[in-house]
Protein backbone atom coordinates (compact mmCIF):
# COMPACT_ATOMS: atom_id res chain seq x y z
CA MET A 1 0.09 0.06 -0.13
CA GLU A 2 1.25 3.95 -1.08
CA TYR A 3 0.88 5.43 2.28
CA MET A 4 3.23 7.92 2.08
CA GLY A 5 2.23 8.15 -1.93
CA ARG A 6 3.62 7.14 -4.80
CA PRO A 7 7.53 7.65 -5.21
CA ASP A 8 7.10 8.23 -9.18
CA GLY A 9 6.31 11.90 -9.42
CA SER A 10 5.23 11.94 -12.58
CA THR A 11 2.07 9.65 -11.32
CA GLU A 12 1.87 11.23 -7.32
CA SER A 13 -0.88 12.97 -6.21
CA LEU A 14 -0.03 16.66 -6.71
CA LYS A 15 -1.44 17.47 -3.42
CA ASN A 16 0.99 15.87 -2.32
CA HIS A 17 3.44 18.34 -3.39
CA LEU A 18 5.94 19.53 -1.01
CA GLU A 19 7.66 22.87 -1.94
CA LEU A 20 11.10 22.42 0.80
CA GLY A 21 13.81 20.94 -1.80
CA TYR A 22 12.84 25.01 -3.08
CA ASP A 23 15.78 27.40 -2.66
CA SER A 24 13.12 29.61 -2.10
CA PRO A 25 9.20 30.33 -2.77
CA VAL A 26 7.84 29.61 -6.00
CA ASP A 27 4.91 31.18 -7.82
CA PHE A 28 3.75 28.50 -9.75
CA THR A 29 1.65 30.86 -11.68
CA SER A 30 4.96 32.94 -13.02
CA LEU A 31 6.10 31.77 -16.81
CA SER A 32 10.17 33.23 -15.82
CA HIS A 33 10.98 29.96 -15.10
CA ARG A 34 11.96 27.67 -17.97
CA VAL A 35 14.25 24.78 -16.51
CA ILE A 36 13.27 22.42 -13.43
CA VAL A 37 16.97 21.25 -12.32
CA GLY A 38 17.85 18.37 -10.11
CA ARG A 39 18.77 14.79 -9.27
CA LYS A 40 16.48 11.38 -10.15
CA GLY A 41 14.50 11.60 -7.55
CA SER A 42 14.31 14.70 -6.42
CA GLY A 43 10.39 16.12 -7.55
CA LYS A 44 11.05 17.22 -10.89
CA SER A 45 8.14 15.61 -12.74
CA LEU A 46 5.61 16.59 -9.47
CA SER A 47 7.06 20.10 -9.83
CA ILE A 48 6.71 20.47 -13.87
CA ARG A 49 2.84 19.24 -13.25
CA LYS A 50 2.38 21.68 -10.65
CA PHE A 51 3.50 24.92 -13.60
CA PHE A 52 1.45 22.43 -15.67
CA GLN A 53 -1.38 22.88 -13.40
CA ALA A 54 -1.45 26.99 -12.79
CA SER A 55 -1.43 26.91 -16.85
CA GLN A 56 -3.98 25.49 -17.04
CA ARG A 57 -6.40 27.21 -15.17
CA ASP A 58 -5.08 30.36 -16.45
CA GLN A 59 -7.81 31.59 -19.08
CA LYS A 60 -5.83 34.24 -21.27
CA ARG A 61 -2.96 30.55 -22.44
CA PHE A 62 -3.23 27.38 -23.65
CA ALA A 63 -1.51 25.03 -21.94
CA VAL A 64 -0.35 21.74 -23.93
CA GLU A 65 -0.88 18.45 -22.46
CA ILE A 66 2.01 17.70 -20.04
CA THR A 67 4.30 15.59 -22.16
CA ASN A 68 6.26 12.44 -20.30
CA LYS A 69 6.43 10.08 -22.70
CA PRO A 70 10.21 10.67 -24.69
CA PRO A 71 11.04 10.16 -27.64
CA ASN A 72 11.79 6.92 -29.22
CA LEU A 73 15.46 5.83 -27.72
CA GLU A 74 16.65 3.66 -30.65
CA SER A 75 15.66 6.35 -33.36
CA MET A 76 16.94 8.53 -31.32
CA VAL A 77 20.26 7.67 -30.85
CA ARG A 78 19.99 5.50 -34.65
CA PHE A 79 19.91 9.39 -36.58
CA SER A 80 22.31 10.64 -33.42
CA VAL A 81 25.31 8.28 -35.02
CA THR A 82 24.94 10.16 -38.23
CA MET A 83 26.02 13.33 -36.95
CA GLN A 84 29.90 14.22 -35.80
CA HIS A 85 30.71 14.24 -32.22
CA ARG A 86 32.26 17.47 -31.81
CA VAL A 87 28.43 18.75 -32.75
CA ARG A 88 26.84 16.79 -31.98
CA THR A 89 24.90 18.98 -29.71
CA ASN A 90 24.44 21.87 -32.30
CA SER A 91 22.42 19.39 -34.54
CA TRP A 92 19.79 18.26 -31.82
CA GLN A 93 19.31 22.11 -31.17
CA SER A 94 18.61 22.42 -34.39
CA ILE A 95 16.12 19.60 -34.54
CA TRP A 96 15.03 20.26 -30.88
CA GLU A 97 14.14 24.50 -32.05
CA TYR A 98 12.40 22.72 -35.24
CA ALA A 99 10.12 20.74 -33.37
CA ILE A 100 8.95 22.61 -30.94
CA LEU A 101 7.77 25.40 -33.75
CA VAL A 102 6.01 22.86 -35.73
CA SER A 103 3.83 21.41 -32.18
CA ALA A 104 3.23 24.70 -31.42
CA ILE A 105 1.64 25.49 -34.92
CA THR A 106 -0.25 22.20 -34.85
CA TYR A 107 -2.33 23.51 -31.98
CA ILE A 108 -2.75 26.71 -33.51
CA LEU A 109 -3.92 24.51 -36.70
CA TYR A 110 -5.58 21.75 -35.57
CA ASP A 111 -6.40 21.68 -31.56
CA GLU A 112 -10.43 22.62 -31.49
CA ASP A 113 -9.76 23.71 -27.72
CA TYR A 114 -7.47 26.45 -29.30
CA THR A 115 -9.67 27.61 -32.36
CA LYS A 116 -12.59 27.85 -29.74
CA ARG A 117 -10.63 29.81 -27.31
CA PHE A 118 -8.26 32.26 -29.14
CA GLY A 119 -9.70 31.93 -32.86
CA SER A 120 -9.44 34.88 -34.28
CA LYS A 121 -10.12 35.91 -38.55
CA ASN A 122 -6.22 36.93 -38.46
CA ILE A 123 -5.45 33.45 -37.09
CA LYS A 124 -6.94 31.64 -39.81
CA ILE A 125 -5.58 33.78 -43.11
CA GLN A 126 -2.23 32.75 -40.86
CA SER A 127 -3.04 29.29 -40.07
CA GLU A 128 -4.66 28.33 -43.84
CA LYS A 129 -1.01 30.03 -45.26
CA ILE A 130 0.86 27.76 -43.15
CA GLU A 131 -1.08 25.01 -44.05
CA TYR A 132 -1.66 24.93 -48.02
CA GLN A 133 1.75 26.65 -48.41
CA PHE A 134 3.85 25.04 -46.23
CA GLY A 135 2.60 21.54 -45.68
CA ASN A 136 5.58 19.86 -46.59
CA CYS A 137 7.18 21.36 -43.50
CA LEU A 138 5.11 20.15 -41.70
CA MET A 139 6.26 16.32 -42.56
CA GLY A 140 2.92 15.44 -43.16
CA LEU A 141 1.10 16.01 -39.49
CA ARG A 142 -2.28 17.13 -39.34
CA THR A 143 -3.62 17.10 -35.87
CA PRO A 144 -2.45 18.20 -32.63
CA THR A 145 1.49 16.59 -32.07
CA GLN A 146 3.61 16.99 -28.73
CA VAL A 147 6.84 18.07 -28.94
CA TYR A 148 8.22 14.56 -28.33
CA GLU A 149 6.48 12.80 -31.33
CA VAL A 150 7.14 15.32 -34.06
CA VAL A 151 11.25 14.68 -33.10
CA ASN A 152 10.29 10.60 -33.73
CA VAL A 153 8.24 12.07 -37.06
CA LEU A 154 11.64 14.07 -37.90
CA ILE A 155 14.35 11.81 -36.94
CA ASN A 156 12.42 8.59 -38.98
CA TYR A 157 11.25 11.24 -42.12
CA PHE A 158 14.53 12.12 -42.66
CA LYS A 159 17.46 9.37 -43.74
CA ASN A 160 20.34 11.34 -41.64
CA TYR A 161 21.29 14.58 -39.97
CA GLU A 162 22.30 15.78 -43.38
CA GLU A 163 19.65 15.18 -45.00
CA PHE A 164 17.55 17.08 -42.38
CA ALA A 165 20.04 19.72 -42.13
CA LYS A 166 19.67 20.40 -46.17
CA PHE A 167 15.93 20.89 -45.63
CA LEU A 168 16.26 23.14 -42.48
CA PHE A 169 18.14 25.91 -44.49
CA SER A 170 16.30 25.09 -47.49
CA PRO A 171 14.26 28.67 -48.88
CA ILE A 172 11.15 27.27 -48.32
CA VAL A 173 11.15 26.51 -44.46
CA SER A 174 13.13 30.05 -43.79
CA ASN A 175 9.91 31.40 -45.00
CA PHE A 176 7.59 28.81 -43.36
CA ARG A 177 9.05 29.44 -40.41
CA SER A 178 9.30 33.19 -40.09
CA THR A 179 5.39 33.11 -41.54
CA CYS A 180 5.47 31.07 -38.07
CA ARG A 181 6.75 33.44 -35.98
CA ILE A 182 3.92 36.07 -36.85
CA THR A 183 1.81 33.77 -36.20
CA LEU A 184 2.74 33.08 -32.77
CA ARG A 185 2.63 37.23 -31.98
CA ASN A 186 -0.71 37.15 -32.64
CA SER A 187 -1.55 33.84 -30.69
CA ALA A 188 -2.36 33.76 -27.11
CA GLN A 189 0.25 32.24 -24.77
CA ILE A 190 1.39 28.94 -25.75
CA CYS A 191 2.67 26.35 -23.11
CA ILE A 192 4.63 23.48 -23.33
CA TYR A 193 5.82 21.27 -20.34
CA LEU A 194 8.13 18.45 -21.54
CA ASP A 195 9.29 16.05 -18.62
CA SER A 196 11.55 12.23 -18.54
CA LEU A 197 13.61 12.96 -21.37
CA ASP A 198 16.61 11.30 -19.29
CA ASP A 199 14.62 8.56 -18.15
CA GLU A 200 16.79 5.95 -20.27
CA MET A 201 20.08 7.66 -19.96
CA ARG A 202 21.56 4.72 -18.24
CA ARG A 203 21.44 3.14 -22.24
CA ALA A 204 23.10 5.43 -24.04
CA PRO A 205 24.05 8.25 -20.88
CA ALA A 206 27.09 10.39 -23.73
CA ILE A 207 24.08 10.21 -26.26
CA LEU A 208 21.21 11.32 -24.33
CA THR A 209 24.13 13.84 -22.59
CA ASP A 210 23.88 15.58 -25.99
CA ILE A 211 20.69 15.20 -26.36
CA THR A 212 19.39 16.70 -23.24
CA ARG A 213 21.94 19.23 -22.97
CA ALA A 214 20.96 20.72 -26.28
CA LEU A 215 17.37 20.83 -25.58
CA PHE A 216 18.53 23.16 -22.37
CA TYR A 217 20.15 25.77 -25.12
CA THR A 218 17.18 25.66 -26.77
CA VAL A 219 14.74 26.73 -23.95
CA ILE A 220 16.97 28.83 -22.63
CA LYS A 221 17.51 30.79 -25.64
CA GLY A 222 13.31 30.79 -26.01
CA ALA A 223 13.81 32.45 -22.86
CA ARG A 224 16.08 35.35 -23.53
CA ASP A 225 15.07 36.09 -27.01
CA THR A 226 10.96 36.36 -26.71
CA ASP A 227 10.82 38.85 -29.79
CA ASN A 228 11.44 36.53 -32.05
CA VAL A 229 9.26 33.67 -31.01
CA PRO A 230 6.51 35.41 -28.52
CA ASN A 231 4.16 33.50 -26.75
CA LEU A 232 5.25 30.68 -26.90
CA HIS A 233 6.70 29.30 -23.17
CA VAL A 234 8.67 26.61 -23.37
CA MET A 235 9.55 24.35 -19.77
CA ILE A 236 11.67 20.81 -19.00
CA THR A 237 12.99 19.26 -16.73
CA LEU A 238 17.20 18.48 -15.85
CA ARG A 239 19.15 16.13 -14.38
CA ASP A 240 21.07 17.94 -12.18
CA VAL A 241 24.46 15.38 -14.12
CA VAL A 242 23.66 17.27 -17.41
CA PHE A 243 23.50 20.59 -15.63
CA SER A 244 26.78 20.33 -14.45
CA THR A 245 28.10 19.20 -17.64
CA ILE A 246 26.80 22.50 -18.94
CA MET A 247 28.10 24.53 -15.69
CA SER A 248 31.70 22.94 -17.00
CA SER A 249 32.25 23.50 -20.34
CA ASP A 250 33.67 26.05 -21.49
CA HIS A 251 30.13 28.50 -22.61
CA ALA A 252 29.68 27.94 -18.41
CA ASP A 253 29.58 32.21 -18.29
CA ARG A 254 26.95 31.95 -20.65
CA PHE A 255 24.42 30.82 -17.96
CA LEU A 256 25.91 32.08 -14.69
CA ASP A 257 22.32 34.01 -15.09
CA THR A 258 20.15 31.14 -13.70
CA SER A 259 16.24 33.16 -13.43
CA TYR A 260 15.16 30.76 -15.67
CA VAL A 261 16.36 27.83 -13.79
CA LEU A 262 15.12 26.70 -10.57
CA PHE A 263 17.21 24.46 -8.68
CA LEU A 264 15.79 21.03 -6.73
CA PHE A 265 18.52 20.88 -4.04
CA TRP A 266 17.59 18.52 -0.99
CA SER A 267 20.07 18.95 2.27
CA PRO A 268 20.13 17.37 4.70
CA GLN A 269 18.34 20.11 6.70
CA LYS A 270 15.08 19.81 3.69
CA SER A 271 15.66 15.94 3.57
CA SER A 272 14.92 16.04 6.90
CA GLY A 273 11.80 18.54 7.28
CA PHE A 274 10.79 16.62 3.73
CA LEU A 275 10.84 13.51 6.18
CA SER A 276 9.00 15.22 8.60
CA GLU A 277 5.71 17.17 7.04
CA LYS A 278 5.23 13.54 4.90
CA ILE A 279 5.10 12.19 7.83
CA LYS A 280 2.20 14.04 9.34
CA GLN A 281 0.77 14.24 6.20
CA THR A 282 0.52 10.57 6.07
CA GLN A 283 -0.48 10.83 9.84
CA ARG A 284 -3.53 13.53 8.89
CA ASN A 285 -5.15 10.69 5.97
CA LEU A 286 -4.52 7.82 8.27
CA SER A 287 -6.46 9.23 10.79
CA SER A 288 -9.26 10.02 8.85
CA SER A 289 -9.77 6.17 7.84
CA ASN A 290 -9.65 4.70 12.44
CA ALA A 291 -5.90 3.84 11.74
CA LYS A 292 -4.04 2.89 14.98
CA TRP A 293 -1.42 5.94 15.02
CA ALA A 294 -2.07 9.55 17.13
CA PRO A 295 -2.44 12.28 14.41
CA GLY A 296 -0.21 14.23 16.68
CA VAL A 297 2.93 12.21 15.63
CA ALA A 298 4.69 15.01 13.62
CA ASP A 299 8.56 13.01 13.29
CA LEU A 300 10.41 9.55 13.01
CA PRO A 301 11.18 9.19 16.73
CA ALA A 302 7.56 9.38 17.66
CA LEU A 303 6.27 7.44 15.13
CA LEU A 304 9.23 5.09 15.71
CA GLY A 305 9.39 4.98 19.61
CA PHE A 306 12.68 5.61 20.09
CA GLU A 307 15.16 8.10 19.23
CA LYS A 308 18.31 6.27 18.75
CA VAL A 309 20.43 3.05 17.10
CA TYR A 310 23.41 1.96 17.81
CA ASN A 311 25.92 1.52 15.20
CA GLU A 312 27.62 -1.55 16.08
CA GLY A 313 29.85 -0.63 13.09
CA LYS A 314 30.86 2.91 14.34
CA GLU A 315 30.35 1.84 17.92
CA THR A 316 28.43 4.73 18.52
CA GLU A 317 24.72 6.03 19.32
CA GLU A 318 22.71 7.86 16.20
CA ASP A 319 19.48 9.21 16.32
CA VAL A 320 16.76 7.45 13.73
CA THR A 321 16.81 10.64 11.27
CA SER A 322 20.14 11.25 10.74
CA TYR A 323 20.98 7.40 10.06
CA PHE A 324 17.95 7.04 7.66
CA LEU A 325 18.81 9.64 5.69
CA ARG A 326 22.73 9.25 5.26
CA HIS A 327 21.93 5.71 4.59
CA THR A 328 19.31 7.13 1.34
CA ASN A 329 20.71 10.19 -0.33
CA PHE A 330 18.71 12.75 0.74
CA VAL A 331 16.18 11.92 -2.48
CA PRO A 332 12.55 12.69 -1.27
CA ARG A 333 11.45 9.40 -3.78
CA ASN A 334 13.81 7.37 -1.55
CA THR A 335 11.86 9.00 1.48
CA VAL A 336 8.60 7.95 0.28
CA ARG A 337 9.88 4.16 -0.41
CA PHE A 338 10.87 4.29 2.99
CA GLY A 339 7.56 5.69 4.53
CA ASN A 340 6.23 2.92 2.35
CA ARG A 341 7.22 0.10 3.93
CA LEU A 342 7.63 1.57 7.24
CA TYR A 343 4.03 2.02 7.71
CA SER A 344 3.51 -1.59 5.75
CA VAL A 345 5.36 -3.02 9.30
CA LEU A 346 3.02 -0.55 11.31
CA ASP A 347 0.20 -1.85 9.95
CA LYS A 348 0.81 -5.44 10.05
CA ASN A 349 2.70 -5.04 13.86
CA GLY A 350 0.89 -1.89 15.31
CA SER A 351 4.95 -1.06 16.42
CA ILE A 352 8.34 -1.71 14.81
CA GLU A 353 11.34 -2.48 16.86
CA VAL A 354 15.00 -1.06 16.80
CA VAL A 355 16.30 -4.46 14.33
CA GLN A 356 13.40 -3.94 11.82
CA PHE A 357 14.18 -0.21 11.14
CA LYS A 358 17.48 -1.09 10.58
CA ARG A 359 16.66 -3.72 8.48
CA ILE A 360 14.50 -2.01 6.09
CA VAL A 361 17.19 1.44 6.16
CA ALA A 362 19.51 -1.52 5.00
CA ASP A 363 17.72 -2.92 2.39
CA ILE A 364 16.72 0.46 1.39
CA SER A 365 20.37 1.45 1.19
CA ARG A 366 21.69 -1.76 -0.34
CA GLU A 367 19.00 -1.32 -3.61
CA ILE A 368 19.97 2.40 -3.34
CA ALA A 369 23.79 1.31 -4.32
CA ASN A 370 23.26 -1.34 -6.37
CA THR A 371 21.18 0.47 -9.14
CA LEU A 372 23.93 3.36 -8.68
CA LEU A 373 26.33 0.84 -9.72
CA THR A 374 24.55 -0.55 -12.82
CA ALA A 375 24.21 3.24 -13.67
CA ALA A 376 28.09 4.47 -12.95
CA SER A 377 29.36 1.51 -14.96
CA ALA A 378 26.43 2.58 -17.97
CA TYR A 379 28.40 6.02 -17.63
CA LEU A 380 32.07 3.83 -18.29
CA VAL A 381 30.76 2.25 -21.02
CA ALA A 382 29.07 5.17 -23.09
CA ALA A 383 33.05 6.76 -22.37
CA SER A 384 34.34 3.34 -23.92
CA TYR A 385 31.85 2.64 -26.69
CA ASP A 386 29.78 5.20 -27.05
CA ASP A 387 29.71 4.42 -31.04
CA ASP A 388 29.24 1.15 -30.28
CA VAL A 389 26.33 1.72 -27.62
CA GLY A 390 24.82 3.41 -30.82
CA TYR A 391 25.50 1.06 -33.53
CA LEU A 392 24.49 -1.60 -31.03
CA ILE A 393 20.78 0.72 -30.51
CA GLU A 394 20.21 0.86 -34.13
CA LEU A 395 20.32 -2.94 -35.21
CA ASP A 396 17.83 -3.54 -32.35
CA GLU A 397 14.90 -3.09 -34.94
CA SER A 398 16.39 -5.04 -37.50
CA PHE A 399 17.46 -8.03 -34.78
CA ARG A 400 13.64 -7.98 -33.57
CA GLU A 401 12.49 -8.46 -36.36
CA TYR A 402 14.51 -11.06 -37.43
CA LEU A 403 13.67 -12.73 -34.29
CA SER A 404 10.13 -12.23 -34.70
CA LYS A 405 10.28 -14.54 -37.97
CA GLY A 406 11.15 -17.43 -36.16
CA PRO A 407 8.78 -19.57 -33.77
CA VAL A 408 10.20 -17.20 -30.56
CA SER A 409 7.10 -15.31 -27.69
CA ASP A 410 7.03 -11.81 -28.49
CA ARG A 411 8.25 -11.91 -24.94
CA MET A 412 11.37 -13.36 -25.49
CA VAL A 413 12.38 -11.23 -28.31
CA GLU A 414 12.68 -8.44 -25.46
CA GLU A 415 14.26 -10.86 -23.45
CA VAL A 416 17.31 -11.04 -26.15
CA ILE A 417 17.45 -7.41 -27.18
CA ASP A 418 17.69 -6.68 -23.41
CA GLY A 419 19.84 -8.91 -22.25
CA MET A 420 22.36 -7.74 -25.48
CA HIS A 421 21.92 -4.02 -24.05
CA THR A 422 22.89 -5.30 -20.13
CA ASN A 423 25.66 -6.99 -21.01
CA LEU A 424 27.20 -4.09 -22.65
CA THR A 425 26.10 -1.08 -20.16
CA ASP A 426 26.65 -3.72 -17.14
CA GLY A 427 30.07 -4.44 -18.16
CA PHE A 428 31.75 -2.20 -15.61
CA ILE A 429 30.57 -3.30 -12.72
CA LYS A 430 32.18 -6.45 -11.21
CA PRO A 431 35.64 -3.86 -12.44
CA ILE A 432 33.76 -0.98 -9.91
CA LYS A 433 33.28 -3.34 -7.21
CA SER A 434 36.65 -4.60 -7.68
CA PHE A 435 38.31 -0.97 -7.22
CA ILE A 436 35.91 -0.56 -4.25
CA ASN A 437 36.68 -3.61 -2.78
CA HIS A 438 40.64 -2.78 -2.91
CA ILE A 439 40.02 0.60 -0.95
CA GLY A 440 38.47 -2.38 1.34
CA LYS A 441 36.88 0.57 3.93
CA ASP A 442 33.87 3.10 4.30
CA VAL A 443 36.69 5.91 5.07
CA PHE A 444 40.09 6.21 3.49
CA SER A 445 42.71 8.46 2.48
CA LYS A 446 43.53 10.38 -0.45
CA THR A 447 46.49 8.28 -1.15
CA GLU A 448 44.35 4.99 -1.19
CA LEU A 449 41.92 6.81 -3.50
CA THR A 450 45.18 7.02 -6.46
CA ALA A 451 46.45 3.81 -5.68
CA ALA A 452 42.88 2.07 -6.30
CA VAL A 453 42.46 4.44 -9.51
CA GLU A 454 46.16 3.78 -10.71
CA GLU A 455 45.39 -0.14 -9.82
CA PHE A 456 41.91 0.06 -11.85
CA THR A 457 43.30 1.52 -14.99
CA ARG A 458 46.23 -1.03 -15.36
CA ASP A 459 43.67 -3.74 -14.98
CA ASN A 460 41.28 -2.44 -17.81
CA HIS A 461 42.57 -2.18 -20.72
CA ASP A 462 39.31 -0.68 -22.23
CA TYR A 463 39.22 2.05 -19.54
CA ASN A 464 42.68 3.22 -20.12
CA SER A 465 42.42 3.26 -23.66
CA MET A 466 38.76 4.96 -23.44
CA ALA A 467 37.78 8.11 -26.04
CA GLN A 468 37.92 11.06 -24.60
CA ASN A 469 34.68 12.55 -26.61
CA PHE A 470 33.06 12.68 -23.44
CA ASN A 471 33.35 14.66 -20.31
CA LEU A 472 32.36 12.27 -17.53
CA ASN A 473 35.26 9.74 -18.06
CA LYS A 474 36.96 9.11 -14.84
CA LEU A 475 36.30 6.46 -12.55
CA GLU A 476 36.39 9.03 -9.42
CA ASN A 477 34.14 11.57 -11.23
CA ILE A 478 31.52 9.12 -12.36
CA LEU A 479 31.55 7.68 -8.62
CA TRP A 480 31.17 11.41 -7.24
CA ILE A 481 27.84 12.30 -9.85
CA GLN A 482 26.16 9.06 -9.18
CA GLY A 483 26.90 9.83 -5.18
CA LEU A 484 28.66 6.92 -4.45
CA ILE A 485 31.52 8.96 -3.31
CA GLY A 486 31.75 11.37 -0.94
CA VAL A 487 33.92 14.21 0.44
CA ARG A 488 34.69 14.47 4.64
CA GLN A 489 36.60 17.53 5.49
CA LYS A 490 37.32 19.61 8.92
CA ASN A 491 35.70 22.94 9.76
CA ASN A 492 35.38 24.67 12.59
CA SER A 493 32.33 22.78 14.03
CA GLY A 494 33.86 19.10 12.91
CA ASP A 495 33.25 16.87 10.27
CA SER A 496 32.09 18.13 7.47
CA PHE A 497 31.10 16.41 4.65
CA TYR A 498 29.19 16.64 1.13
CA TYR A 499 28.50 14.26 -1.84
CA PHE A 500 28.08 15.42 -5.76
CA SER A 501 24.35 16.37 -5.16
CA ASP A 502 25.90 19.21 -2.48
CA THR A 503 27.92 21.00 -5.08
CA ASN A 504 26.31 20.41 -8.30
CA GLU A 505 29.11 22.92 -9.66
CA GLN A 506 31.08 20.92 -10.85
CA THR A 507 31.55 16.92 -12.71
CA ASP A 508 35.20 16.46 -11.36
CA LEU A 509 35.63 15.01 -7.89
CA PRO A 510 36.66 17.49 -5.55
CA MET A 511 40.67 16.39 -4.43
CA ASN A 512 41.17 19.21 -2.05
CA SER A 513 40.35 16.99 0.80
CA GLU A 514 42.73 14.10 2.57
CA THR A 515 39.58 11.81 3.40
CA PHE A 516 37.18 9.96 1.06
CA VAL A 517 34.31 8.16 2.36
CA PHE A 518 32.15 5.71 0.44
CA PHE A 519 28.23 5.90 0.50
CA PRO A 520 27.08 3.95 3.51
CA GLY A 521 25.01 1.43 0.95
CA LEU A 522 28.25 0.12 -0.49
CA ASN A 523 29.15 -1.39 2.95
CA ASP A 524 27.37 -4.53 2.61
CA VAL A 525 26.65 -4.60 -1.38
CA CYS A 526 30.74 -4.66 -1.36
CA ASN A 527 31.56 -6.33 2.50
CA LEU A 528 33.76 -3.17 3.53
CA GLU A 529 35.21 -2.41 6.28
CA ILE A 530 33.99 -0.11 8.81
CA GLN A 531 35.86 2.33 10.42
CA LYS A 532 35.33 3.18 13.69
CA GLY A 533 34.39 6.69 14.62
CA SER A 534 31.52 9.19 13.36
CA PRO A 535 29.21 8.60 11.06
CA VAL A 536 29.47 8.38 7.07
CA GLY A 537 27.00 11.68 6.24
CA PRO A 538 25.95 15.25 7.52
CA LYS A 539 24.37 15.36 10.62
CA ILE A 540 21.09 16.44 10.80
CA GLY A 541 20.57 19.98 13.21
């Protein structure tokens, strides 16, 4: 049962939305923000749905139904293979610009609700001109079409990027785009919301990073150039890893003005506040259904019935909130998953023992660690075999067609295809675990880290000969951006820990420290030796 709600923000009820992750109060009716940045599970999908809801209620705006089914990955990768690496981001930027323009025009031309609310004589004249003079520029589209679907059509309509580029810079397309801009100047405010583009980042992270970065550039350019394409508001979600590659690039100074960007950064304090508010919210919901728990419960210790747990490895007591949050990477999605499991035990037994609480935390932390290790492997594969991943995905359709002609079930076909990708993208999991096992403990020195990296480089020829076209091409940086390695530093108040989610400014692991730590979930996964002392992770309060 989903006691705390659904972990997936794209399906979670909007009434369960909490604003604790924002740096300042958010006006969801505003059209100033264009990009929502955060790590996976931080609440990006829920936030963009709140903005969409606000636009939907504004009678002066036309809000296109939110898009959360991204373009077909195989088609995107196949089309990307026809581009040069060094201009792949720029090439995709031209695709996004055209797809967004075409999508907006299809709603003006063909959406009955738009015509009923905002139709006029001038709009009708311009619409007829577009349809009859530039029909080919719409690539056969004659219904309201969302941006992601326009991209699907485009990358299957043209054989390769070179063919699309010739089309894009032809006189008829130039005239088409000018006519569309005139139409948009006379239109209502059209609001487009794009989510979930990076959902399959694991399968082709290098290519999808470039594609997503191109969408970011397109949206920011549109926000700054409203005179050129007026009355068109596009909002997207963006994973923090992609944003960091932008801020680490030579063009970072162009994006230092982040007035168009809304950050979802979950500090330990905000994560603790989120947990408490979720508990209060859940208690209110349960009290209306005659639940066993008192509605006055307001935090985790009160819900559990105990405040401390003993950490055997560290030989110290620890408050339950800090213990839970540092094991779950301070991600709201993990908090909701934890809460649902915790309430399930409470619902069944009426109370929970310390050992049960620790087991739930350990299980979730171990699941998180394994997921992050898989993602880290995919990033290393992308850095080593970027083109090979592309060609493998490109072969999927023909291979699937070949298998389907024989006495093989559809399920078996999918399992074979999925197995091909898994064998490649998961290929670095064992070497990464060996790297972690070489260090062998949860807290380690810079010298130990450097020695382990050198051994990993010697032992893995594919890594040693890695292509340099993907900027996340170092093992330590990949583990850093996945939240598997953190840094311990000393300040006036004692130990200070931080992971990638606390900085979000650079993709390089900060090497100006003498002490590093592994994410606690790796302790069980890699059987690490626990060093006595303070627990690994930020303290709450």
